[in-house]
Amino acid sequence: MTAISRADVESALKGYVDPYLDQDLVAANCVREIQIDAGRLEVAVELGFPAAGYRETLSAALRERLAALPGVGEVTLRVDSKIVAHDVQKGLTPLPGVKNIIAVASGKGGVGKSTTAVNLALALHAEGATVGLLDADIYGPSQPRMLGSSEQPESPDGKSLNPVMSHGIQSMSIGYLIEEETPMIWRGPMVTQALEQLLRDTRWRDLDYLVIDLPPGTGDTQLTLSQKVPVSGAVIVTTPQDIALLDARRGLKMFEKVEVPVLGIVENMSIHICSNCGHEEHIFGEGGGQRMAAQYGVPFLGSLPLDIRIRQETDNGQPTVAAEPDSRIAELYRDIARRAAARLSLQAKNYSHKFPKIVIQNT
């Protein structure tokens, strides 16, 4: 029987380019263990992003390659995920109880950013991560309605708030603290202070990801978040329409200036499929998000259709990923979530939580 070497195993693994990392698993430092015992081969792979819906596909592809090696009689393959904290802006450290913050932004309203944010959070949860969602739109909070939650958050000490649980994710919004139709007639400084309080005074519990649904634009709230809040990465939501793309470019440039990595671009409402006849039509144009991604050298995370179910389900407090977990649309959201998390996993890690804290006491 032909003897197999570690180099042979690594060469076989290098032949598979992961579609979410855009590189092979050896180059991405995801191969944790290779053990060779006669004709038996054991390989352990550890992804840096949640991948419950992808793990079997990856395992099958790798097992096929490894089993084809001369001299291999038995293959044992383990594929796991381990999510760690990644670097944030200079001078900032991750929030207690939160490994990574992902900001979901758009340059203008009406592109479906909040719907994308809530489904992205639910998709990350469906992939196996512990996830929170912060509604950063103080003037127009929409996440309580989208999550189907209206309860007031509990305060165990009169100073902090427990997040509201809905569909398996932790959430916080000013909408939980006021009546739904109450207008927030506040000036900018009050809004940014409220946002910081909602973020820092919420008792987030061991989150792998905190998704922040930003209000549209590049004003005070966005600047506060990007300068004072430890953000690991941003996702830009746009439609193919030229006007939406113009504003999305401003949002992307804002994150570049404050050194927040852009994980990628999501093109929402990319195509409309008639529910009666099945006719497909690009109502808002075609390929704008992909062209923008190519122009600025950032990943294109995926396209989402203009589908009446997405609107109906979020209006009813049952976002598509929760309402129809096995649907094609839910799979699109989960694919986008995997791509965003995979891009984040390639960034530098943050080790500040491992440093000892020095406390000076008078004795």
Protein backbone atom coordinates (compact mmCIF):
# COMPACT_ATOMS: atom_id res chain seq x y z
CA MET A 1 0.00 0.00 0.00
CA THR A 2 1.34 3.43 -0.95
CA ALA A 3 2.38 5.49 2.06
CA ILE A 4 0.54 8.79 2.37
CA SER A 5 2.23 11.96 3.64
CA ARG A 6 0.99 15.14 5.26
CA ALA A 7 2.01 17.01 2.11
CA ASP A 8 -0.27 14.75 0.06
CA VAL A 9 -3.21 15.54 2.37
CA GLU A 10 -2.54 19.27 2.30
CA SER A 11 -2.25 19.19 -1.49
CA ALA A 12 -5.66 17.51 -1.74
CA LEU A 13 -7.19 20.07 0.60
CA LYS A 14 -5.66 22.93 -1.37
CA GLY A 15 -7.52 21.70 -4.43
CA TYR A 16 -10.82 22.84 -2.92
CA VAL A 17 -11.40 26.60 -2.98
CA ASP A 18 -13.97 27.51 -0.35
CA PRO A 19 -16.71 29.64 -1.98
CA TYR A 20 -17.15 31.82 1.11
CA LEU A 21 -13.48 32.41 1.92
CA ASP A 22 -12.43 32.60 -1.75
CA GLN A 23 -9.33 30.58 -0.93
CA ASP A 24 -8.40 27.07 0.08
CA LEU A 25 -8.70 25.97 3.71
CA VAL A 26 -4.95 25.52 4.19
CA ALA A 27 -4.25 29.09 3.09
CA ALA A 28 -7.10 30.30 5.35
CA ASN A 29 -5.54 28.48 8.35
CA CYS A 30 -8.68 26.41 8.87
CA VAL A 31 -6.97 22.99 8.99
CA ARG A 32 -6.39 22.23 12.65
CA GLU A 33 -5.30 18.60 12.64
CA ILE A 34 -4.02 15.93 10.25
CA GLN A 35 -3.35 12.44 11.62
CA ILE A 36 -2.17 9.56 9.46
CA ASP A 37 -2.15 5.99 10.77
CA ALA A 38 -1.44 3.40 8.10
CA GLY A 39 -4.42 3.72 5.73
CA ARG A 40 -6.55 5.70 8.19
CA LEU A 41 -6.72 9.45 7.86
CA GLU A 42 -8.17 11.92 10.37
CA VAL A 43 -8.61 15.60 9.46
CA ALA A 44 -10.10 18.38 11.59
CA VAL A 45 -11.26 21.61 9.96
CA GLU A 46 -12.26 24.66 12.01
CA LEU A 47 -14.07 27.47 10.20
CA GLY A 48 -14.06 30.98 11.60
CA PHE A 49 -17.70 31.56 10.66
CA PRO A 50 -21.02 29.80 11.41
CA ALA A 51 -21.84 27.27 8.71
CA ALA A 52 -24.60 24.91 9.80
CA GLY A 53 -26.19 24.98 6.35
CA TYR A 54 -22.89 24.47 4.55
CA ARG A 55 -21.06 21.98 6.75
CA GLU A 56 -22.38 18.82 5.02
CA THR A 57 -21.58 20.18 1.55
CA LEU A 58 -18.04 21.04 2.63
CA SER A 59 -17.54 17.71 4.38
CA ALA A 60 -18.68 15.76 1.32
CA ALA A 61 -16.40 17.72 -1.01
CA LEU A 62 -13.33 17.31 1.22
CA ARG A 63 -14.03 13.65 1.98
CA GLU A 64 -14.24 12.87 -1.73
CA ARG A 65 -10.86 14.47 -2.37
CA LEU A 66 -9.18 12.79 0.59
CA ALA A 67 -10.63 9.35 -0.17
CA ALA A 68 -9.21 9.55 -3.71
CA LEU A 69 -5.63 9.75 -2.39
CA PRO A 70 -3.55 6.60 -3.05
CA GLY A 71 -3.16 4.55 0.12
CA VAL A 72 -6.16 5.99 1.99
CA GLY A 73 -8.61 3.36 3.19
CA GLU A 74 -10.64 5.24 5.80
CA VAL A 75 -11.32 8.97 6.19
CA THR A 76 -12.54 10.64 9.39
CA LEU A 77 -13.36 14.31 8.86
CA ARG A 78 -14.54 16.83 11.45
CA VAL A 79 -15.79 20.26 10.41
CA ASP A 80 -16.52 22.72 13.23
CA SER A 81 -16.88 26.47 13.62
CA LYS A 82 -15.22 28.73 16.18
CA ILE A 83 -16.11 32.42 16.16
CA VAL A 84 -13.63 34.80 17.76
CA ALA A 85 -13.43 38.57 18.27
CA HIS A 86 -11.87 40.56 15.43
CA ASP A 87 -10.11 43.90 15.33
CA VAL A 88 -12.07 47.12 15.61
CA GLN A 89 -11.17 50.79 15.09
CA LYS A 90 -7.97 52.03 16.70
CA GLY A 91 -8.36 53.05 20.33
CA LEU A 92 -11.54 51.02 20.88
CA THR A 93 -12.06 47.63 22.52
CA PRO A 94 -14.92 45.15 22.01
CA LEU A 95 -18.02 45.54 24.18
CA PRO A 96 -18.48 43.17 27.12
CA GLY A 97 -20.46 40.15 26.01
CA VAL A 98 -20.04 40.96 22.29
CA LYS A 99 -17.33 39.45 20.09
CA ASN A 100 -18.13 41.27 16.85
CA ILE A 101 -20.37 44.14 15.77
CA ILE A 102 -21.61 44.24 12.18
CA ALA A 103 -23.22 47.48 11.03
CA VAL A 104 -25.84 47.25 8.28
CA ALA A 105 -26.07 50.56 6.43
CA SER A 106 -27.46 52.28 3.35
CA GLY A 107 -26.97 55.72 1.94
CA LYS A 108 -30.70 56.30 1.54
CA GLY A 109 -34.02 55.02 2.81
CA GLY A 110 -36.37 52.69 1.01
CA VAL A 111 -33.84 50.08 -0.10
CA GLY A 112 -34.93 47.43 2.43
CA LYS A 113 -32.01 47.84 4.84
CA SER A 114 -33.96 47.04 8.02
CA THR A 115 -35.57 43.98 6.43
CA THR A 116 -32.13 42.83 5.32
CA ALA A 117 -30.66 43.49 8.78
CA VAL A 118 -33.25 41.44 10.67
CA ASN A 119 -33.06 38.55 8.21
CA LEU A 120 -29.25 38.70 8.28
CA ALA A 121 -29.31 38.43 12.08
CA LEU A 122 -31.75 35.52 11.94
CA ALA A 123 -29.66 33.86 9.22
CA LEU A 124 -26.50 34.05 11.34
CA HIS A 125 -28.48 32.49 14.20
CA ALA A 126 -29.77 29.74 11.88
CA GLU A 127 -26.16 29.03 10.89
CA GLY A 128 -25.30 28.37 14.54
CA ALA A 129 -24.15 31.71 15.98
CA THR A 130 -25.36 33.56 19.06
CA VAL A 131 -26.73 36.82 17.68
CA GLY A 132 -28.11 40.15 18.85
CA LEU A 133 -29.83 42.95 16.91
CA LEU A 134 -29.71 46.64 17.84
CA ASP A 135 -32.18 48.99 16.19
CA ALA A 136 -30.14 52.20 15.89
CA ASP A 137 -32.91 54.18 14.21
CA ILE A 138 -34.08 56.36 17.09
CA TYR A 139 -36.48 58.43 14.95
CA GLY A 140 -38.08 55.50 13.16
CA PRO A 141 -37.56 52.22 15.02
CA SER A 142 -38.93 49.30 13.02
CA GLN A 143 -37.35 46.20 14.49
CA PRO A 144 -39.94 45.62 17.27
CA ARG A 145 -42.64 45.33 14.59
CA MET A 146 -40.44 43.19 12.36
CA LEU A 147 -39.54 40.85 15.22
CA GLY A 148 -43.13 40.69 16.44
CA SER A 149 -42.11 41.95 19.91
CA SER A 150 -43.80 44.66 21.95
CA GLU A 151 -42.75 43.79 25.49
CA GLN A 152 -40.77 46.24 27.58
CA PRO A 153 -37.25 45.05 28.45
CA GLU A 154 -36.61 44.21 32.10
CA SER A 155 -34.10 46.14 34.19
CA PRO A 156 -32.58 43.98 36.94
CA ASP A 157 -30.75 46.89 38.64
CA GLY A 158 -32.53 50.05 37.46
CA LYS A 159 -29.51 50.98 35.34
CA SER A 160 -29.19 48.33 32.65
CA LEU A 161 -31.63 46.47 30.41
CA ASN A 162 -32.00 42.84 29.50
CA PRO A 163 -32.33 42.33 25.75
CA VAL A 164 -35.69 41.17 24.41
CA MET A 165 -35.65 37.65 23.00
CA SER A 166 -37.44 36.98 19.72
CA HIS A 167 -37.00 34.14 17.22
CA GLY A 168 -33.89 33.05 19.13
CA ILE A 169 -31.99 36.34 18.93
CA GLN A 170 -31.41 39.09 21.51
CA SER A 171 -32.65 42.54 20.51
CA MET A 172 -32.88 46.12 21.74
CA SER A 173 -34.68 49.16 20.32
CA ILE A 174 -35.99 52.52 21.52
CA GLY A 175 -39.26 51.15 20.16
CA TYR A 176 -39.48 48.82 23.17
CA LEU A 177 -39.46 51.82 25.52
CA ILE A 178 -42.04 54.09 23.86
CA GLU A 179 -45.47 53.76 22.27
CA GLU A 180 -45.27 52.75 18.60
CA GLU A 181 -46.80 56.01 17.35
CA THR A 182 -44.86 58.33 19.68
CA PRO A 183 -42.55 60.63 17.68
CA MET A 184 -38.99 61.16 18.93
CA ILE A 185 -38.65 64.95 18.67
CA TRP A 186 -35.00 65.06 19.68
CA ARG A 187 -31.97 66.94 18.44
CA GLY A 188 -28.85 65.16 17.24
CA PRO A 189 -26.87 65.03 20.53
CA MET A 190 -29.82 63.48 22.36
CA VAL A 191 -30.19 60.85 19.66
CA THR A 192 -26.53 59.85 19.71
CA GLN A 193 -26.55 59.69 23.52
CA ALA A 194 -29.65 57.48 23.44
CA LEU A 195 -27.99 55.19 20.92
CA GLU A 196 -24.87 54.82 23.03
CA GLN A 197 -26.99 54.06 26.10
CA LEU A 198 -29.03 51.43 24.27
CA LEU A 199 -25.82 49.81 23.08
CA ARG A 200 -23.76 49.93 26.26
CA ASP A 201 -26.48 49.59 28.92
CA THR A 202 -27.97 46.47 27.38
CA ARG A 203 -26.77 43.27 29.06
CA TRP A 204 -25.81 41.41 25.88
CA ARG A 205 -25.16 37.76 26.66
CA ASP A 206 -22.18 36.09 24.97
CA LEU A 207 -22.88 37.29 21.44
CA ASP A 208 -20.83 36.09 18.50
CA TYR A 209 -22.35 38.90 16.42
CA LEU A 210 -24.31 42.03 17.22
CA VAL A 211 -26.01 43.29 14.06
CA ILE A 212 -26.74 47.03 14.17
CA ASP A 213 -29.50 48.32 11.91
CA LEU A 214 -28.35 51.87 11.14
CA PRO A 215 -30.69 54.64 10.00
CA PRO A 216 -30.09 55.74 6.39
CA GLY A 217 -27.60 58.47 5.61
CA THR A 218 -24.19 59.57 6.90
CA GLY A 219 -25.14 61.93 9.74
CA ASP A 220 -24.58 62.14 13.50
CA THR A 221 -25.80 58.66 14.34
CA GLN A 222 -23.61 56.97 11.74
CA LEU A 223 -20.55 59.01 12.74
CA THR A 224 -21.10 58.26 16.44
CA LEU A 225 -21.32 54.57 15.71
CA SER A 226 -18.26 54.51 13.47
CA GLN A 227 -16.09 56.62 15.79
CA LYS A 228 -17.15 55.54 19.30
CA VAL A 229 -18.54 52.03 18.88
CA PRO A 230 -16.15 49.09 18.24
CA VAL A 231 -17.40 47.91 14.85
CA SER A 232 -15.75 44.87 13.25
CA GLY A 233 -17.25 45.35 9.80
CA ALA A 234 -20.05 46.90 7.76
CA VAL A 235 -22.52 45.60 5.19
CA ILE A 236 -23.90 48.05 2.60
CA VAL A 237 -27.43 47.48 1.30
CA THR A 238 -28.49 49.00 -2.01
CA THR A 239 -30.82 48.44 -4.94
CA PRO A 240 -29.60 48.33 -8.56
CA GLN A 241 -31.08 51.80 -9.14
CA ASP A 242 -28.50 54.47 -9.99
CA ILE A 243 -29.79 56.90 -7.34
CA ALA A 244 -29.57 54.24 -4.62
CA LEU A 245 -26.07 53.27 -5.76
CA LEU A 246 -24.92 56.89 -5.62
CA ASP A 247 -26.00 57.15 -1.98
CA ALA A 248 -24.60 53.70 -1.15
CA ARG A 249 -21.20 54.88 -2.38
CA ARG A 250 -21.32 57.71 0.17
CA GLY A 251 -21.99 55.20 2.93
CA LEU A 252 -19.10 53.04 1.78
CA LYS A 253 -16.76 56.03 1.68
CA MET A 254 -17.80 57.00 5.22
CA PHE A 255 -16.78 53.62 6.59
CA GLU A 256 -13.50 53.77 4.70
CA LYS A 257 -12.68 57.16 6.27
CA VAL A 258 -13.29 55.91 9.81
CA GLU A 259 -11.38 52.66 9.09
CA VAL A 260 -14.29 50.26 9.42
CA PRO A 261 -13.85 47.38 6.95
CA VAL A 262 -16.70 46.93 4.47
CA LEU A 263 -17.51 43.21 4.43
CA GLY A 264 -19.49 43.53 1.23
CA ILE A 265 -22.50 44.80 -0.67
CA VAL A 266 -26.00 43.32 -0.78
CA GLU A 267 -28.18 44.14 -3.76
CA ASN A 268 -31.80 44.13 -2.62
CA MET A 269 -34.87 44.07 -4.91
CA SER A 270 -32.61 42.95 -7.75
CA ILE A 271 -35.32 41.14 -9.70
CA HIS A 272 -39.11 40.89 -9.60
CA ILE A 273 -40.77 37.57 -10.40
CA CYS A 274 -44.48 37.89 -11.16
CA SER A 275 -46.48 35.71 -8.78
CA ASN A 276 -49.09 35.09 -11.51
CA CYS A 277 -47.12 34.34 -14.65
CA GLY A 278 -43.53 33.92 -13.46
CA HIS A 279 -42.20 36.71 -15.70
CA GLU A 280 -38.85 38.07 -14.47
CA GLU A 281 -38.12 41.78 -14.70
CA HIS A 282 -35.31 44.00 -13.41
CA ILE A 283 -37.53 46.87 -12.25
CA PHE A 284 -34.70 48.90 -10.65
CA GLY A 285 -32.01 48.07 -13.18
CA GLU A 286 -29.54 45.20 -13.34
CA GLY A 287 -26.10 44.44 -11.91
CA GLY A 288 -25.56 47.79 -10.16
CA GLY A 289 -24.45 46.24 -6.87
CA GLN A 290 -21.95 43.97 -8.59
CA ARG A 291 -20.46 46.86 -10.56
CA MET A 292 -20.15 48.94 -7.40
CA ALA A 293 -18.43 46.08 -5.57
CA ALA A 294 -15.97 45.64 -8.44
CA GLN A 295 -15.33 49.39 -8.63
CA TYR A 296 -14.38 49.67 -4.95
CA GLY A 297 -12.75 46.28 -4.56
CA VAL A 298 -15.16 44.94 -1.94
CA PRO A 299 -16.98 41.59 -1.99
CA PHE A 300 -20.42 41.24 -3.55
CA LEU A 301 -22.36 39.27 -0.94
CA GLY A 302 -25.43 38.46 -3.03
CA SER A 303 -28.73 39.54 -4.55
CA LEU A 304 -32.23 39.39 -3.07
CA PRO A 305 -35.48 39.38 -5.04
CA LEU A 306 -38.37 41.81 -4.87
CA ASP A 307 -40.88 39.37 -3.39
CA ILE A 308 -44.19 40.17 -1.70
CA ARG A 309 -43.62 37.47 0.93
CA ILE A 310 -40.61 39.31 2.35
CA ARG A 311 -42.75 42.40 2.96
CA GLN A 312 -45.74 40.50 4.29
CA GLU A 313 -43.74 38.37 6.69
CA THR A 314 -41.73 41.22 8.20
CA ASP A 315 -44.92 43.30 8.60
CA ASN A 316 -46.41 40.36 10.52
CA GLY A 317 -43.41 40.01 12.85
CA GLN A 318 -42.25 36.79 11.18
CA PRO A 319 -39.23 37.61 8.97
CA THR A 320 -38.70 35.21 6.08
CA VAL A 321 -35.75 33.33 7.62
CA ALA A 322 -37.92 32.52 10.65
CA ALA A 323 -41.24 32.11 8.81
CA GLU A 324 -40.01 29.97 5.92
CA PRO A 325 -36.63 28.55 7.01
CA ASP A 326 -36.51 26.04 4.13
CA SER A 327 -37.50 28.48 1.39
CA ARG A 328 -35.25 29.66 -1.43
CA ILE A 329 -35.36 33.22 -0.10
CA ALA A 330 -34.24 32.10 3.37
CA GLU A 331 -31.37 30.22 1.76
CA LEU A 332 -30.32 33.42 -0.05
CA TYR A 333 -30.20 35.29 3.27
CA ARG A 334 -28.23 32.46 4.87
CA ASP A 335 -25.77 32.42 1.98
CA ILE A 336 -25.24 36.18 2.37
CA ALA A 337 -24.79 35.74 6.13
CA ARG A 338 -22.14 33.06 5.59
CA ARG A 339 -20.30 35.25 3.09
CA ALA A 340 -20.28 38.29 5.41
CA ALA A 341 -19.15 36.23 8.41
CA ALA A 342 -16.49 34.46 6.33
CA ARG A 343 -15.07 37.78 5.15
CA LEU A 344 -14.95 38.92 8.77
CA SER A 345 -13.16 35.71 9.80
CA LEU A 346 -10.24 36.61 7.52
CA GLN A 347 -9.58 39.88 9.37
CA ALA A 348 -7.09 40.30 12.19
CA LYS A 349 -8.20 38.87 15.52
CA ASN A 350 -8.62 40.95 18.67
CA TYR A 351 -6.84 39.57 21.74
CA SER A 352 -7.63 42.39 24.18
CA HIS A 353 -9.97 40.15 26.20
CA LYS A 354 -7.01 37.86 27.00
CA PHE A 355 -4.86 40.60 28.51
CA PRO A 356 -4.85 40.76 32.31
CA LYS A 357 -6.58 43.74 33.90
CA ILE A 358 -4.37 45.56 36.37
CA VAL A 359 -6.15 46.88 39.43
CA ILE A 360 -4.34 49.26 41.81
CA GLN A 361 -5.47 49.05 45.43
CA ASN A 362 -4.35 50.95 48.50
CA THR A 363 -3.41 48.44 51.18
